[in-house]
């Protein structure tokens, strides 16, 4: 998987989430198995500090949850930090 690149600084992230669930309640963003940000309404925008990952390629995991807290879908995106 080829990584997209971005500046290793505080960045705003957002996600388009396609799901079979009619209502999503929360989207989380994780790095290295740790949740680093979350959003509770579309367009699922949050702020993530990428500075600690400068010079590395990381996987950002995006997870969407329904109103009962059940994981509905997940996706990983590889990002190279400059």
N, C-alpha and C. Protein backbone atom coordinates (compact mmCIF):
# COMPACT_ATOMS: atom_id res chain seq x y z
N UNK A 1 0.84 -1.17 0.00
CA UNK A 1 0.00 0.00 0.00
C UNK A 1 0.90 1.24 0.00
N UNK A 2 0.69 2.12 -0.95
CA UNK A 2 1.45 3.35 -1.03
C UNK A 2 0.86 4.38 -0.08
N UNK A 3 1.72 5.11 0.60
CA UNK A 3 1.26 6.09 1.58
C UNK A 3 1.06 7.46 0.95
N UNK A 4 -0.02 8.15 1.35
CA UNK A 4 -0.18 9.56 1.04
C UNK A 4 0.75 10.29 1.99
N UNK A 5 1.17 11.52 1.65
CA UNK A 5 2.04 12.24 2.57
C UNK A 5 1.35 13.50 3.07
N UNK A 6 1.70 13.87 4.30
CA UNK A 6 1.16 15.08 4.90
C UNK A 6 2.17 15.63 5.89
N UNK A 7 2.03 16.89 6.24
CA UNK A 7 2.94 17.55 7.17
C UNK A 7 2.71 17.03 8.58
N UNK A 8 3.80 16.76 9.30
CA UNK A 8 3.72 16.26 10.67
C UNK A 8 3.44 17.43 11.61
N UNK A 9 2.19 17.81 11.71
CA UNK A 9 1.75 18.91 12.56
C UNK A 9 0.29 18.66 12.92
N UNK A 10 -0.30 19.56 13.68
CA UNK A 10 -1.71 19.43 14.01
C UNK A 10 -2.53 19.65 12.73
N UNK A 11 -3.36 18.68 12.38
CA UNK A 11 -4.15 18.74 11.15
C UNK A 11 -5.61 18.41 11.45
N UNK A 12 -6.50 18.96 10.64
CA UNK A 12 -7.92 18.59 10.73
C UNK A 12 -8.15 17.43 9.77
N UNK A 13 -8.82 16.41 10.24
CA UNK A 13 -9.14 15.25 9.42
C UNK A 13 -10.64 15.08 9.38
N UNK A 14 -11.14 14.52 8.30
CA UNK A 14 -12.56 14.19 8.19
C UNK A 14 -12.69 12.95 7.33
N UNK A 15 -13.84 12.29 7.45
CA UNK A 15 -14.02 11.02 6.75
C UNK A 15 -15.40 10.94 6.10
N UNK A 16 -15.42 10.38 4.91
CA UNK A 16 -16.66 9.98 4.28
C UNK A 16 -16.86 8.53 4.69
N UNK A 17 -17.96 8.24 5.35
CA UNK A 17 -18.19 6.89 5.86
C UNK A 17 -19.40 6.28 5.17
N UNK A 18 -19.16 5.20 4.43
CA UNK A 18 -20.25 4.48 3.78
C UNK A 18 -20.58 3.28 4.67
N UNK A 19 -21.84 3.16 5.01
CA UNK A 19 -22.24 2.11 5.95
C UNK A 19 -23.65 1.64 5.64
N UNK A 20 -23.92 0.41 6.02
CA UNK A 20 -25.29 -0.13 5.88
C UNK A 20 -26.16 0.33 7.03
N UNK A 21 -25.55 0.81 8.08
CA UNK A 21 -26.30 1.30 9.23
C UNK A 21 -26.96 2.63 8.87
N UNK A 22 -28.25 2.78 9.17
CA UNK A 22 -28.93 4.03 8.80
C UNK A 22 -28.46 5.24 9.60
N UNK A 23 -27.96 5.04 10.79
CA UNK A 23 -27.52 6.16 11.63
C UNK A 23 -26.17 5.87 12.26
N UNK A 24 -25.25 6.76 12.04
CA UNK A 24 -23.96 6.67 12.72
C UNK A 24 -23.95 7.68 13.85
N UNK A 25 -23.29 7.33 14.95
CA UNK A 25 -23.26 8.21 16.11
C UNK A 25 -21.87 8.78 16.37
N UNK A 26 -20.83 8.06 15.92
CA UNK A 26 -19.48 8.49 16.24
C UNK A 26 -18.49 7.89 15.24
N UNK A 27 -17.45 8.65 14.94
CA UNK A 27 -16.33 8.17 14.14
C UNK A 27 -15.07 8.46 14.95
N UNK A 28 -14.20 7.44 15.06
CA UNK A 28 -12.94 7.64 15.77
C UNK A 28 -11.77 7.50 14.81
N UNK A 29 -10.67 8.15 15.15
CA UNK A 29 -9.43 8.09 14.39
C UNK A 29 -8.37 7.52 15.32
N UNK A 30 -7.69 6.47 14.89
CA UNK A 30 -6.69 5.85 15.73
C UNK A 30 -5.36 5.69 15.04
N UNK A 31 -4.29 5.72 15.84
CA UNK A 31 -2.94 5.50 15.35
C UNK A 31 -2.25 4.54 16.31
N UNK A 32 -1.71 3.46 15.79
CA UNK A 32 -1.01 2.50 16.63
C UNK A 32 -1.88 1.85 17.68
N UNK A 33 -3.15 1.65 17.36
CA UNK A 33 -4.06 1.01 18.31
C UNK A 33 -4.62 1.94 19.38
N UNK A 34 -4.30 3.23 19.30
CA UNK A 34 -4.76 4.20 20.28
C UNK A 34 -5.67 5.23 19.61
N UNK A 35 -6.82 5.50 20.18
CA UNK A 35 -7.72 6.53 19.65
C UNK A 35 -7.10 7.90 19.90
N UNK A 36 -6.94 8.68 18.82
CA UNK A 36 -6.33 10.00 18.94
C UNK A 36 -7.32 11.14 18.73
N UNK A 37 -8.52 10.82 18.20
CA UNK A 37 -9.55 11.84 18.00
C UNK A 37 -10.87 11.15 17.70
N UNK A 38 -11.96 11.91 17.89
CA UNK A 38 -13.28 11.38 17.53
C UNK A 38 -14.19 12.54 17.12
N UNK A 39 -15.24 12.20 16.41
CA UNK A 39 -16.23 13.18 15.96
C UNK A 39 -17.61 12.57 16.12
N UNK A 40 -18.60 13.42 16.46
CA UNK A 40 -19.94 12.91 16.72
C UNK A 40 -20.99 13.41 15.73
N UNK A 41 -20.55 14.07 14.65
CA UNK A 41 -21.51 14.49 13.62
C UNK A 41 -20.79 14.67 12.29
N UNK A 42 -21.52 14.46 11.18
CA UNK A 42 -20.93 14.64 9.86
C UNK A 42 -20.48 16.09 9.69
N UNK A 43 -19.42 16.33 9.02
CA UNK A 43 -18.60 15.45 8.18
C UNK A 43 -17.51 14.70 8.95
N UNK A 44 -17.74 14.42 10.22
CA UNK A 44 -16.83 13.60 11.03
C UNK A 44 -15.44 14.22 11.10
N UNK A 45 -15.38 15.52 11.35
CA UNK A 45 -14.13 16.26 11.39
C UNK A 45 -13.57 16.30 12.81
N UNK A 46 -12.26 16.09 12.92
CA UNK A 46 -11.57 16.14 14.21
C UNK A 46 -10.16 16.68 13.99
N UNK A 47 -9.49 17.01 15.07
CA UNK A 47 -8.12 17.52 15.00
C UNK A 47 -7.17 16.45 15.53
N UNK A 48 -6.11 16.17 14.76
CA UNK A 48 -5.11 15.17 15.14
C UNK A 48 -3.73 15.81 15.08
N UNK A 49 -2.93 15.61 16.13
CA UNK A 49 -1.56 16.11 16.14
C UNK A 49 -0.65 15.02 15.59
N UNK A 50 -0.16 15.21 14.38
CA UNK A 50 0.71 14.23 13.73
C UNK A 50 2.19 14.47 14.03
N UNK A 51 2.53 15.53 14.77
CA UNK A 51 3.93 15.88 15.04
C UNK A 51 4.75 14.72 15.63
N UNK A 52 4.21 13.91 16.55
CA UNK A 52 5.01 12.82 17.11
C UNK A 52 5.40 11.75 16.08
N UNK A 53 4.81 11.77 14.91
CA UNK A 53 5.05 10.74 13.90
C UNK A 53 5.92 11.23 12.75
N UNK A 54 6.56 12.40 12.91
CA UNK A 54 7.37 12.99 11.84
C UNK A 54 8.42 12.00 11.34
N UNK A 55 8.52 11.89 10.00
CA UNK A 55 9.50 11.02 9.37
C UNK A 55 9.10 9.56 9.30
N UNK A 56 7.88 9.25 9.71
CA UNK A 56 7.42 7.86 9.71
C UNK A 56 6.18 7.70 8.83
N UNK A 57 5.95 6.48 8.39
CA UNK A 57 4.70 6.14 7.71
C UNK A 57 3.82 5.47 8.76
N UNK A 58 2.59 5.94 8.88
CA UNK A 58 1.68 5.41 9.89
C UNK A 58 0.37 4.99 9.25
N UNK A 59 -0.36 4.14 9.94
CA UNK A 59 -1.71 3.77 9.53
C UNK A 59 -2.69 4.52 10.41
N UNK A 60 -3.59 5.27 9.79
CA UNK A 60 -4.66 5.95 10.52
C UNK A 60 -5.91 5.07 10.36
N UNK A 61 -6.42 4.56 11.47
CA UNK A 61 -7.61 3.72 11.45
C UNK A 61 -8.84 4.58 11.70
N UNK A 62 -9.81 4.50 10.80
CA UNK A 62 -11.07 5.23 10.93
C UNK A 62 -12.14 4.20 11.26
N UNK A 63 -12.82 4.39 12.40
CA UNK A 63 -13.86 3.45 12.82
C UNK A 63 -15.16 4.19 13.05
N UNK A 64 -16.25 3.63 12.53
CA UNK A 64 -17.57 4.25 12.67
C UNK A 64 -18.45 3.37 13.56
N UNK A 65 -19.21 4.02 14.44
CA UNK A 65 -20.07 3.34 15.41
C UNK A 65 -21.51 3.81 15.27
N UNK A 66 -22.45 2.88 15.53
CA UNK A 66 -23.87 3.26 15.50
C UNK A 66 -24.27 3.83 16.86
N UNK A 67 -25.54 4.17 17.00
CA UNK A 67 -26.06 4.78 18.23
C UNK A 67 -25.98 3.90 19.46
N UNK A 68 -25.80 2.60 19.28
CA UNK A 68 -25.67 1.68 20.41
C UNK A 68 -24.21 1.40 20.76
N UNK A 69 -23.29 2.08 20.06
CA UNK A 69 -21.87 1.90 20.32
C UNK A 69 -21.27 0.70 19.61
N UNK A 70 -22.01 0.11 18.68
CA UNK A 70 -21.53 -1.06 17.94
C UNK A 70 -20.68 -0.60 16.76
N UNK A 71 -19.50 -1.22 16.61
CA UNK A 71 -18.63 -0.91 15.48
C UNK A 71 -19.33 -1.34 14.19
N UNK A 72 -19.49 -0.39 13.27
CA UNK A 72 -20.21 -0.64 12.02
C UNK A 72 -19.24 -0.88 10.85
N UNK A 73 -18.20 -0.08 10.78
CA UNK A 73 -17.23 -0.24 9.70
C UNK A 73 -15.89 0.35 10.12
N UNK A 74 -14.83 -0.12 9.47
CA UNK A 74 -13.49 0.39 9.76
C UNK A 74 -12.66 0.43 8.49
N UNK A 75 -11.71 1.33 8.45
CA UNK A 75 -10.85 1.47 7.28
C UNK A 75 -9.51 2.04 7.74
N UNK A 76 -8.41 1.55 7.18
CA UNK A 76 -7.09 2.08 7.48
C UNK A 76 -6.53 2.82 6.27
N UNK A 77 -5.88 3.93 6.55
CA UNK A 77 -5.25 4.74 5.51
C UNK A 77 -3.78 4.92 5.89
N UNK A 78 -2.87 4.59 5.00
CA UNK A 78 -1.44 4.74 5.24
C UNK A 78 -1.03 6.17 4.90
N UNK A 79 -0.32 6.81 5.83
CA UNK A 79 0.10 8.20 5.65
C UNK A 79 1.57 8.33 6.00
N UNK A 80 2.36 8.97 5.11
CA UNK A 80 3.77 9.25 5.38
C UNK A 80 3.87 10.67 5.93
N UNK A 81 4.46 10.80 7.09
CA UNK A 81 4.58 12.12 7.73
C UNK A 81 5.87 12.79 7.30
N UNK A 82 5.78 14.05 6.85
CA UNK A 82 6.95 14.82 6.42
C UNK A 82 7.46 15.67 7.57
